[in-house]
Protein backbone atom coordinates (compact mmCIF):
# COMPACT_ATOMS: atom_id res chain seq x y z
CA UNK A 1 -16.19 2.02 -23.36
CA UNK A 2 -12.88 2.31 -21.42
CA UNK A 3 -9.84 3.55 -23.58
CA UNK A 4 -6.88 0.85 -22.68
CA UNK A 5 -3.87 1.78 -21.02
CA UNK A 6 -0.58 1.26 -22.39
CA UNK A 7 1.63 -1.24 -21.26
CA UNK A 8 4.60 -0.77 -18.92
CA UNK A 9 7.63 -2.12 -19.40
CA UNK A 10 9.55 -3.47 -16.27
CA UNK A 11 12.58 -4.26 -15.88
CA UNK A 12 14.91 -6.50 -13.38
CA UNK A 13 16.94 -3.70 -11.34
CA UNK A 14 19.83 -2.05 -12.24
CA UNK A 15 22.89 -1.56 -10.30
CA UNK A 16 22.54 1.42 -9.08
CA UNK A 17 19.22 0.54 -7.51
CA UNK A 18 20.40 -2.81 -6.39
CA UNK A 19 23.00 -0.53 -4.57
CA UNK A 20 20.56 1.83 -3.41
CA UNK A 21 18.82 -0.91 -1.32
CA UNK A 22 21.63 -2.62 -0.06
CA UNK A 23 23.51 0.15 1.43
CA UNK A 24 20.19 1.09 3.13
CA UNK A 25 19.95 -2.62 4.53
CA UNK A 26 17.61 -3.86 2.51
CA UNK A 27 18.63 -8.03 2.25
CA UNK A 28 18.68 -10.35 -0.63
CA UNK A 29 15.88 -12.15 0.18
CA UNK A 30 13.95 -9.24 1.15
CA UNK A 31 14.59 -7.44 -2.50
CA UNK A 32 13.79 -11.38 -4.91
CA UNK A 33 11.05 -12.72 -1.98
CA UNK A 34 8.31 -13.59 -3.12
CA UNK A 35 8.51 -11.72 -6.66
CA UNK A 36 11.51 -9.79 -6.81
CA UNK A 37 11.54 -6.06 -7.25
CA UNK A 38 11.75 -4.61 -10.54
CA UNK A 39 12.02 -0.99 -12.00
CA UNK A 40 10.37 1.17 -14.39
CA UNK A 41 10.81 4.98 -16.07
CA UNK A 42 7.83 7.14 -16.62
CA UNK A 43 5.46 9.50 -14.00
CA UNK A 44 3.04 9.53 -11.80
CA UNK A 45 -0.31 10.85 -13.29
CA UNK A 46 -2.74 13.24 -11.07
CA UNK A 47 -5.51 10.25 -10.78
CA UNK A 48 -2.56 7.94 -9.45
CA UNK A 49 -1.88 5.83 -12.45
CA UNK A 50 1.64 5.53 -13.85
CA UNK A 51 1.99 6.44 -17.07
CA UNK A 52 5.41 4.87 -18.53
CA UNK A 53 7.83 7.19 -20.57
CA UNK A 54 11.47 5.46 -21.72
CA UNK A 55 13.13 8.93 -20.45
CA UNK A 56 11.20 9.64 -17.63
CA UNK A 57 12.64 8.92 -13.78
CA UNK A 58 13.18 5.53 -12.37
CA UNK A 59 10.69 4.03 -10.14
CA UNK A 60 10.68 0.94 -8.04
CA UNK A 61 7.85 -1.62 -8.88
CA UNK A 62 6.17 -4.39 -7.11
CA UNK A 63 4.06 -7.04 -8.35
CA UNK A 64 0.53 -7.03 -6.84
CA UNK A 65 -2.52 -9.90 -7.68
CA UNK A 66 -4.08 -8.25 -10.21
CA UNK A 67 -1.69 -4.74 -10.45
CA UNK A 68 1.61 -3.22 -10.17
CA UNK A 69 2.63 -0.61 -7.29
CA UNK A 70 5.23 1.85 -8.02
CA UNK A 71 7.41 4.10 -5.86
CA UNK A 72 9.72 7.01 -6.47
CA UNK A 73 11.86 6.65 -3.54
CA UNK A 74 13.37 10.42 -4.51
CA UNK A 75 10.01 11.96 -4.25
CA UNK A 76 8.07 9.71 -2.30
CA UNK A 77 5.44 9.26 -4.53
CA UNK A 78 3.02 6.32 -5.42
CA UNK A 79 1.24 4.86 -8.50
CA UNK A 80 -0.64 1.80 -9.64
CA UNK A 81 -0.72 0.22 -13.15
CA UNK A 82 -4.72 0.16 -12.49
CA UNK A 83 -5.37 1.16 -9.33
CA UNK A 84 -6.64 -1.83 -7.82
CA UNK A 85 -4.92 -2.29 -4.75
CA UNK A 86 -5.28 -0.52 -1.56
CA UNK A 87 -1.81 -1.62 -0.33
CA UNK A 88 1.45 -2.72 -1.05
CA UNK A 89 1.71 -6.47 0.44
CA UNK A 90 -2.24 -6.67 1.15
CA UNK A 91 -2.57 -10.46 0.49
CA UNK A 92 -1.11 -10.74 4.19
CA UNK A 93 -4.19 -8.89 5.59
CA UNK A 94 -6.25 -12.36 5.05
CA UNK A 95 -3.44 -14.81 5.93
CA UNK A 96 -4.22 -16.15 9.46
CA UNK A 97 -0.66 -16.79 9.79
CA UNK A 98 0.11 -13.10 10.06
CA UNK A 99 -2.33 -12.78 13.24
CA UNK A 100 -0.56 -16.31 14.64
CA UNK A 101 1.03 -16.26 18.48
CA UNK A 102 -0.31 -12.96 18.95
CA UNK A 103 1.46 -11.09 16.12
CA UNK A 104 0.14 -8.09 14.42
CA UNK A 105 -0.08 -7.14 10.85
CA UNK A 106 2.67 -3.87 10.54
CA UNK A 107 2.16 -1.27 8.76
CA UNK A 108 4.78 1.06 7.35
CA UNK A 109 5.17 4.62 6.15
CA UNK A 110 7.16 3.69 2.96
CA UNK A 111 8.12 0.46 0.62
CA UNK A 112 11.98 1.38 2.19
CA UNK A 113 10.69 0.06 5.71
CA UNK A 114 8.79 -2.37 4.65
CA UNK A 115 11.96 -3.99 2.80
CA UNK A 116 13.58 -4.01 5.79
CA UNK A 117 11.02 -5.74 7.52
CA UNK A 118 11.50 -8.28 4.43
CA UNK A 119 7.78 -7.64 3.81
CA UNK A 120 6.41 -8.59 6.79
CA UNK A 121 3.28 -6.12 6.62
CA UNK A 122 1.83 -3.71 4.65
CA UNK A 123 2.23 0.26 2.88
CA UNK A 124 -1.22 1.17 2.54
CA UNK A 125 -1.33 3.71 -0.61
CA UNK A 126 -4.56 4.77 -0.37
CA UNK A 127 -6.16 5.63 3.20
CA UNK A 128 -9.47 6.10 1.94
CA UNK A 129 -10.33 2.27 1.91
CA UNK A 130 -8.16 1.58 4.39
CA UNK A 131 -11.12 1.27 7.00
CA UNK A 132 -13.08 -0.94 4.81
CA UNK A 133 -9.98 -3.24 4.28
CA UNK A 134 -8.66 -3.42 7.51
CA UNK A 135 -11.79 -3.01 9.61
CA UNK A 136 -11.29 -7.10 10.59
CA UNK A 137 -8.21 -7.12 11.64
CA UNK A 138 -7.31 -8.14 15.02
CA UNK A 139 -4.21 -6.47 15.57
CA UNK A 140 -2.19 -3.52 13.88
CA UNK A 141 1.16 -2.05 14.63
CA UNK A 142 1.47 0.92 13.36
CA UNK A 143 4.38 3.06 12.53
CA UNK A 144 4.40 6.34 14.40
CA UNK A 145 4.46 8.65 11.77
CA UNK A 146 0.69 7.17 10.73
CA UNK A 147 -0.94 7.63 13.52
CA UNK A 148 -2.60 10.96 12.27
CA UNK A 149 -3.47 9.23 9.54
CA UNK A 150 -4.62 6.32 11.11
CA UNK A 151 -6.74 8.32 13.24
CA UNK A 152 -8.70 10.14 10.55
CA UNK A 153 -9.70 7.37 8.00
CA UNK A 154 -10.04 4.43 10.30
CA UNK A 155 -14.01 5.01 10.77
CA UNK A 156 -16.76 4.58 8.17
CA UNK A 157 -16.99 6.75 5.46
CA UNK A 158 -20.75 6.67 6.24
CA UNK A 159 -23.17 5.62 9.50
CA UNK A 160 -26.92 5.77 9.44
CA UNK A 161 -28.46 9.03 10.70
CA UNK A 162 -29.30 8.85 14.22
CA UNK A 163 -33.19 9.54 15.87
CA UNK A 164 -33.10 9.66 19.75
CA UNK A 165 -36.34 8.86 21.26
CA UNK A 166 -37.33 10.32 24.38
CA UNK A 167 -37.96 7.79 26.98
CA UNK A 168 -41.37 9.78 27.44
CA UNK A 169 -44.51 8.43 25.83
CA UNK A 170 -47.84 10.42 25.30
CA UNK A 171 -51.05 9.38 25.79
CA UNK A 172 -52.89 9.31 22.55
């Protein structure tokens, strides 16, 4: 039996965080659509999950289908509520509009770049799951800083054992 997780309280952004995002160039529509950027206080645990603490550091919170992604801009750390998502904004991976008119799936190195692009793409949180989730994407536009991670993780975790059969056949 799994232990239940405590609730995480997410609140609307305070003025300090709104000013931070606006000063960075993020538009108000990018902050509120399709769901508003929120905030929570706490810490990222060693297992990648977010632990709520009223006196913890502020984290930006992004609601995802079946999960919530937390980002600490000060330290560049990520955490999730339930570890069900592999990327922030991952719903666009399966949308036909993402690739229409020869467009590509944009992969950003942090949520600030993603917000500056009006959430047009994803931010990968767990590169170990990237190959299985992105293998069918026809086109990917990648932030240059992510190229080493992309090359290391965009291959199958397991491949079949290979045997080479000689072209010469022996008579029995």
